[in-house]
Amino acid sequence: MKRLLLIVAMSLLSACASQPPLPEQMPTLALPMQLHIQSEQADQRQDLLLVIQREGLSLRWSLLDLLGIPQARQVFDQGQWQADGFLPPNPAARELFAALLFALTPGGQLEQSYPDAREHDQQRWLDERWRVDYRHADDFTLNLKQGLRYRVSPLPSETTP
C-alpha cells in the first residue's frame, strides 16, 4: 500500500512539474478565432481545427479533427487550465494550447505576460520549450521541445458568396 501511495505521489509531482508555462497577465486576443493546425512529428501529419472563444473572463479552446469530432477541450480561467466536457485529459493538447496562447500574445504585451520570453525579427521563444517562426501575426510555425511542429494559419470567419 505504501508503495502504491509513493507511485501516485510521484506521478502527481511529475505532472505538476511538466505543466506548461502560463502568462502572468491574460493577453488581449481578437476573438472568436478559428485556426487550421497542421501537426508534424517525424513522418506523421495531422490536420486539425481549433476554435478559441471568450466566455466571460475565460477562454474556451476546442480542438477538432476534420470531421468535427472533438479531440480536446479546455477552458483557461483565472490563470489555470481546466478540462471542459467529458473528454479524457490530454496533456499534449494542453501544451499546444499554452504554446498557442504564447504565440498569439501581441508583441506589446509579451514582456508583461511572459517576462522570460525573447523576441528577435520574426521569431519568439520561451527558453528551449517553445519557438515561434512568424510569417504573419496569425500565420506561424510553432516548434515544441519534444520535436513536434505545428503549422498554424487562420481560417476565414465568414465565407464570401
Protein backbone atom coordinates (compact mmCIF):
# COMPACT_ATOMS: atom_id res chain seq x y z
CA MET A 1 0.00 0.00 0.00
CA LYS A 2 2.82 2.42 0.87
CA ARG A 3 4.47 1.67 -2.44
CA LEU A 4 1.26 2.47 -4.35
CA LEU A 5 0.90 5.77 -2.47
CA LEU A 6 4.51 6.63 -3.29
CA ILE A 7 3.93 5.91 -7.01
CA VAL A 8 0.77 8.04 -7.04
CA ALA A 9 2.55 10.90 -5.24
CA MET A 10 5.50 10.77 -7.66
CA SER A 11 3.10 10.77 -10.64
CA LEU A 12 1.31 13.83 -9.29
CA LEU A 13 4.60 15.64 -8.68
CA SER A 14 5.87 14.87 -12.18
CA ALA A 15 2.56 16.04 -13.68
CA CYS A 16 2.84 19.33 -11.79
CA ALA A 17 6.44 19.81 -12.89
CA SER A 18 5.55 19.32 -16.54
CA GLN A 19 2.74 21.90 -16.60
CA PRO A 20 3.22 24.36 -19.46
CA PRO A 21 4.17 27.97 -18.67
CA LEU A 22 1.24 30.34 -18.22
CA PRO A 23 1.04 34.08 -18.83
CA GLU A 24 1.41 36.38 -15.84
CA GLN A 25 -1.27 38.60 -17.41
CA MET A 26 -4.03 37.50 -19.76
CA PRO A 27 -3.12 38.78 -23.24
CA THR A 28 -5.73 40.57 -25.33
CA LEU A 29 -6.78 38.38 -28.25
CA ALA A 30 -9.17 39.19 -31.10
CA LEU A 31 -11.82 36.53 -30.52
CA PRO A 32 -13.52 34.36 -31.61
CA MET A 33 -10.68 32.82 -33.59
CA GLN A 34 -10.62 29.80 -35.89
CA LEU A 35 -7.27 28.26 -36.79
CA HIS A 36 -6.09 25.46 -39.05
CA ILE A 37 -3.45 23.44 -37.21
CA GLN A 38 -1.23 21.01 -39.07
CA SER A 39 0.82 18.92 -36.68
CA GLU A 40 4.01 17.23 -37.83
CA GLN A 41 6.26 14.83 -35.99
CA ALA A 42 8.66 12.53 -37.78
CA ASP A 43 6.68 11.15 -40.75
CA GLN A 44 3.24 11.74 -39.25
CA ARG A 45 0.95 14.65 -40.15
CA GLN A 46 -2.49 15.54 -38.90
CA ASP A 47 -4.84 18.40 -39.80
CA LEU A 48 -6.96 19.87 -37.02
CA LEU A 49 -9.26 22.81 -36.42
CA LEU A 50 -9.05 24.99 -33.33
CA VAL A 51 -11.73 27.37 -32.12
CA ILE A 52 -10.93 29.86 -29.36
CA GLN A 53 -13.87 31.70 -27.78
CA ARG A 54 -14.25 34.14 -24.93
CA GLU A 55 -16.76 33.22 -22.25
CA GLY A 56 -16.85 35.96 -19.65
CA LEU A 57 -13.30 36.23 -18.34
CA SER A 58 -12.42 32.71 -19.54
CA LEU A 59 -11.15 31.36 -22.85
CA ARG A 60 -12.64 28.14 -24.26
CA TRP A 61 -10.32 26.11 -26.54
CA SER A 62 -11.88 23.40 -28.72
CA LEU A 63 -9.67 21.18 -30.90
CA LEU A 64 -11.49 19.19 -33.58
CA ASP A 65 -10.47 16.77 -36.30
CA LEU A 66 -11.55 17.49 -39.88
CA LEU A 67 -14.77 15.53 -39.35
CA GLY A 68 -15.70 17.85 -36.46
CA ILE A 69 -15.04 15.27 -33.75
CA PRO A 70 -13.68 16.90 -30.57
CA GLN A 71 -10.11 15.87 -29.78
CA ALA A 72 -9.60 18.14 -26.77
CA ARG A 73 -11.43 20.91 -24.94
CA GLN A 74 -10.03 23.14 -22.24
CA VAL A 75 -11.04 26.34 -20.50
CA PHE A 76 -8.38 28.84 -19.46
CA ASP A 77 -9.81 30.58 -16.40
CA GLN A 78 -8.05 32.71 -13.80
CA GLY A 79 -4.62 31.58 -14.91
CA GLN A 80 -5.38 27.84 -14.92
CA TRP A 81 -6.40 25.18 -17.44
CA GLN A 82 -9.49 23.17 -16.68
CA ALA A 83 -10.99 20.22 -18.52
CA ASP A 84 -14.18 21.02 -20.40
CA GLY A 85 -16.68 18.25 -21.02
CA PHE A 86 -16.18 14.52 -20.82
CA LEU A 87 -13.03 14.10 -22.91
CA PRO A 88 -10.12 12.41 -21.12
CA PRO A 89 -7.17 14.56 -20.03
CA ASN A 90 -4.91 15.44 -22.96
CA PRO A 91 -1.53 16.81 -21.83
CA ALA A 92 -0.35 17.25 -25.44
CA ALA A 93 -3.36 19.45 -26.24
CA ARG A 94 -2.84 21.47 -23.06
CA GLU A 95 0.78 22.05 -24.08
CA LEU A 96 -0.36 23.08 -27.56
CA PHE A 97 -2.98 25.48 -26.19
CA ALA A 98 -0.49 27.07 -23.79
CA ALA A 99 2.10 27.43 -26.59
CA LEU A 100 -0.54 28.96 -28.87
CA LEU A 101 -1.52 31.45 -26.17
CA PHE A 102 2.16 32.42 -26.03
CA ALA A 103 2.42 32.67 -29.83
CA LEU A 104 -0.79 34.70 -30.17
CA THR A 105 0.15 37.20 -27.45
CA PRO A 106 0.55 40.61 -29.10
CA GLY A 107 4.14 41.88 -29.17
CA GLY A 108 3.37 44.87 -26.96
CA GLN A 109 2.06 42.54 -24.23
CA LEU A 110 4.77 39.89 -24.42
CA GLU A 111 7.05 41.27 -21.70
CA GLN A 112 4.20 41.67 -19.18
CA SER A 113 2.67 38.29 -19.97
CA TYR A 114 5.88 36.24 -20.38
CA PRO A 115 8.84 38.03 -18.74
CA ASP A 116 11.26 35.19 -19.70
CA ALA A 117 10.31 35.28 -23.40
CA ARG A 118 12.67 36.54 -26.08
CA GLU A 119 11.86 38.03 -29.47
CA HIS A 120 14.03 38.84 -32.49
CA ASP A 121 13.00 39.58 -36.07
CA GLN A 122 10.24 37.11 -36.96
CA GLN A 123 10.96 34.72 -34.08
CA ARG A 124 9.86 34.41 -30.50
CA TRP A 125 10.91 31.78 -27.98
CA LEU A 126 10.49 30.77 -24.36
CA ASP A 127 13.58 29.04 -23.05
CA GLU A 128 14.09 25.88 -25.11
CA ARG A 129 10.48 24.78 -24.69
CA TRP A 130 8.78 26.78 -27.48
CA ARG A 131 9.95 28.63 -30.60
CA VAL A 132 7.64 30.51 -32.94
CA ASP A 133 8.61 31.41 -36.52
CA TYR A 134 6.16 34.01 -37.86
CA ARG A 135 5.04 34.57 -41.42
CA HIS A 136 2.32 36.94 -40.11
CA ALA A 137 0.88 37.56 -36.65
CA ASP A 138 -1.66 34.72 -37.02
CA ASP A 139 0.28 32.59 -39.52
CA PHE A 140 3.29 30.85 -38.00
CA THR A 141 5.11 27.63 -37.21
CA LEU A 142 5.27 26.56 -33.60
CA ASN A 143 8.16 24.28 -32.61
CA LEU A 144 7.95 22.40 -29.33
CA LYS A 145 10.85 20.91 -27.43
CA GLN A 146 9.60 17.35 -27.97
CA GLY A 147 10.26 17.59 -31.73
CA LEU A 148 6.64 18.33 -32.51
CA ARG A 149 5.90 21.10 -35.01
CA TYR A 150 2.62 22.86 -35.68
CA ARG A 151 1.91 25.00 -38.72
CA VAL A 152 -0.82 27.44 -37.73
CA SER A 153 -2.88 29.56 -40.11
CA PRO A 154 -6.18 31.41 -39.78
CA LEU A 155 -9.45 30.09 -41.15
CA PRO A 156 -11.81 32.66 -42.64
CA SER A 157 -14.53 33.54 -40.13
CA GLU A 158 -17.10 34.11 -42.88
CA THR A 159 -17.39 32.76 -46.38
CA THR A 160 -17.94 35.24 -49.15
CA PRO A 161 -20.58 34.21 -51.73
